[in-house]
Amino acid sequence: MPSLSAPIPRHEAMTASQPHGHCLANRSSASSRHHLQLVERKDEKEDREGYREQEHTKNITQQRQHQTATSASQPQQDHRLKPWFHSVGRLLILLTWISFAVLSVVDAGSEDDIFEDLPLMDDIPPSHPTLPTTKSPPKPPSTAQPPPPLFNNTQPTSPKNPFIGLDHITDDHNSMYDPPYQIPGLTHEEFEDTWYGEPNTIKIGVLLPFSPNAQFPYMTPLSRISLSALRMAIRDMNDQKVIPGMNLSLVVRDSQQHIPGTNVSGGAAAISATTRILNLGVGGVIGDIASDLTTAEAIMTSSVGVPQCSFASYNMDTTLLSNFVYLFRTVPGVTKYHEALALVVKHYKWTKVSIMHTSDIPGIIGEKAFSALCASSGVEVTRFPIPLPQGRDILEVAHSVIRNVKNSDTRIHILAAPRPMQIPLLAAIRDIGLFHHDHVWLTTIDLTDSLSRLADPSDFNGLIMADALWDMPGVPEYDRFVTSWQALNPNEYPMSGSPQLTWHETFAYTCIQVLAEAYKDLVANAMALTNTTARDRLLLDIQRGKRSQDLTMKFLGSRNYSTPVGRFTVSKGGEAFKLPISISSFQNSTSVPNGRAVDDKLSIFNDIVFNSGSTSPPSDAPNWDNLSPSISSPFGITIVVLTSLLMLAIIITAIIVVVFRENIVIKSASPLFCILELFGLAVTLSWIYLRVDLPSPATCRMGMLLVVVGLSINLSALVVKNYRIYRIFNSVSVINHAVSNRYLLRVITIPVVITI
């Protein structure tokens, strides 16, 4: 069927338009027929050319439509691809940021804030011997041959403790090999004894920052002396047969080991050292000294269930400490120090104090602990936070805060800051004039050695310091420790033998003692098993550190420990309870003991000599002069007599108004208005009687109320009276419409009620 859009041939159109008779006449002649044939051929040719042009036009139109559709789909594809590329880019940026954040957390404390809480020991006494030279450690063996044993595979020398034979048990346990490296400050014998620990013993790992630090030069000797105390504790526990049938040994690593070719330090170095020491199957870890390093190590130890004891991380928040189930400490937390200072404030009956604290973790938790205890005692606390320096010197930020403290009306001040910041802050406080006989300063940590090195140290006389109490002569455990410590050979136990302790020794010793007594209970439970195979398997697991998770959960918090630092209990949150806090004062470059605090009890056995040189405590607020005259003074008698005469005149006038209230003059002025004016004056004058003699808080408040109420009555009555006069002179119609007494009373009552 032909298309509806196809053109009609021209000859058909002409034929259709002519009459029927005319067509027959044309066909009858030959010339006409020939002419018609030519016309038809020409028309057919034109029709074919028309069809070709139409098809060509149709093809061109389809091609253009296809190109248009293609070009329109390309931006849509680009539009779909662009968000995909943007999403991938954002994902890469997010992953990069997360990696940077993780590295920052791992590397936390690699700068100045690593050891912000370290110096519980202010300095090492100069009488300590110099460190012995450490021999170079053996080179690690080649991978082609197994590593040669560094130690003889024999039982440790302790004939007093018969060992449990476990050699008949076989398992697939393989000891990890850790290539030895140099640890600063260790002797060759110490290195060989503590790199892998003694075989067939319960190994206790030690993580301390032995590497020298230019900013904190005391870190190496502090770690060194702590290691000697730990080794003495291991020796004593083994000689005393604390753990039946088993001994203890140490595995030591440097928590700040420098890895050649890297800048790893701080928390990253501590995590690396913790990983290596855990691979050796230790049954416990001791360390670190800084709270930041301890936190980084606790992430690893708590994840595998190995108990960790810290003897110096006192600045760690109690909440953070409780997050690590297997972490505990033998040193009181910083909150205990500030609670002891709050007890001192309560002892001297000061009711108004100020606390200047840094805006970091030690400062914030110290301020919260101090303020909480003061609030329960009714002590008003004014807070002066020191913002973080943000790259500037702490003193630049602190000077404005110190000036605010000086301009306040408080005289009793608490300084809550990390130990490295306390010395420059105290020096700035002294320079601005706040170490005065009218002021009292309290802080944490015994700073005697550092303050003695400053110019004019006597300016700091009367500074009250709260610190962990470790010097307790008369306590049997402490006396035994001192005797054993002084009897040590400094060549075998470097920096030992000195009669002067540095605080850390007893708390480090206590860590070993607590772990040993906890393992004693764990081994005793294993020995009670009747099945010898299960018993021996359990004992071997204990020896290889596979049952360390049972130690914290079952035995660490189940007893009271009698140690060189006193009797205490480990709470479920890892806090050491019932440890005493010493209260001392700085006097002429010496630390004078004054008392001790245990829990919420404070005992002062030696009166504190304040900066004024007296044992009488200064006032907690400035002394105010009494400006009120005495009733017996001439000025007091004069004002009382004059006030009484005025009150008498008011009473007489009021009587006259009442008696002659029908008088045309008084009646036109309104008797009620006159009485209210007189009453307001009497109320105001009565305030003068309250200002004679020493005022009390009640009389001060009442005097202010009387003055305000009296003036309100007077002014309100005058306003109503003037309003009535205004209406009279501005409107004739109100002459006979006076202001009623009810309206007057209503207008006066409103301001009086609002004032009260």
Foldseek 3Di string as FASTA:
>chain_A
DDDPPQDDQPVVVVVVVDDPVVVVVQVVDPVSVVVVVVVNVVSVVVSVVVVVVVVVVVVVVVVVVVVVVVVVVVVVVVVVVVVVVVVVVVVVVVVVVVVVVVVCLLQPPVPDQQCLFFPLQVAFDPVFDDFDDADFDDFFDDPVDDTDDLDDQDDDPAVVAAADDLPVDDDDDDFDDDTDGDQPRDHHVRCSCAALHHPQAAEEEEEEALDADPVCRRRNVVVQQLVLLLVVLQVVCSNVCLAHNHGYIYHYDHLADDDPPDPRGRSNSNLVRLVVVVSRQHQAYEDDQELSSVLSSLVVCLVQQHAYEYAHHQLDDLVSLLVRQRYFYLFHHLLVQLLVVLLVCVVLPAQEEEEEFEPDSQRVSSVVSNVVNSVVVNHHYHYQYQYDPVPDDSVVRCLVSLVVVVPDFFAEYEYGYRPVPPVVNVVSNVVVPNLDLQHEYEYERDCLVVLLPDPPSQSQFRYKYKYFDQPDPPQVQQVVSLVVQLPDDCVVRGRTNDNDDRPRSFRSSVVSVLQSNLSNVVLVVLVPDPPVVSSSVSVVCSSSNNCSNCSSVPGSQPDWDQGSQGIWGQDSSNGTAQGKMWMWTHHNSDTGTFWIDGDNDIDGPHQGQHSVRDSNDRHRGDDDDQPQAACPDPVNVVLVVVLVVLLVVLVVVLVVCVVVVVDPVNVVQPSVLSNLLSVLVNLLSVLSVQSHDGHDPVNVVSSVLSNQLSVLSNVLSVVLSVVQVVCVVVDVVCPVPGDDVVNSVVSSVVVNVVSD
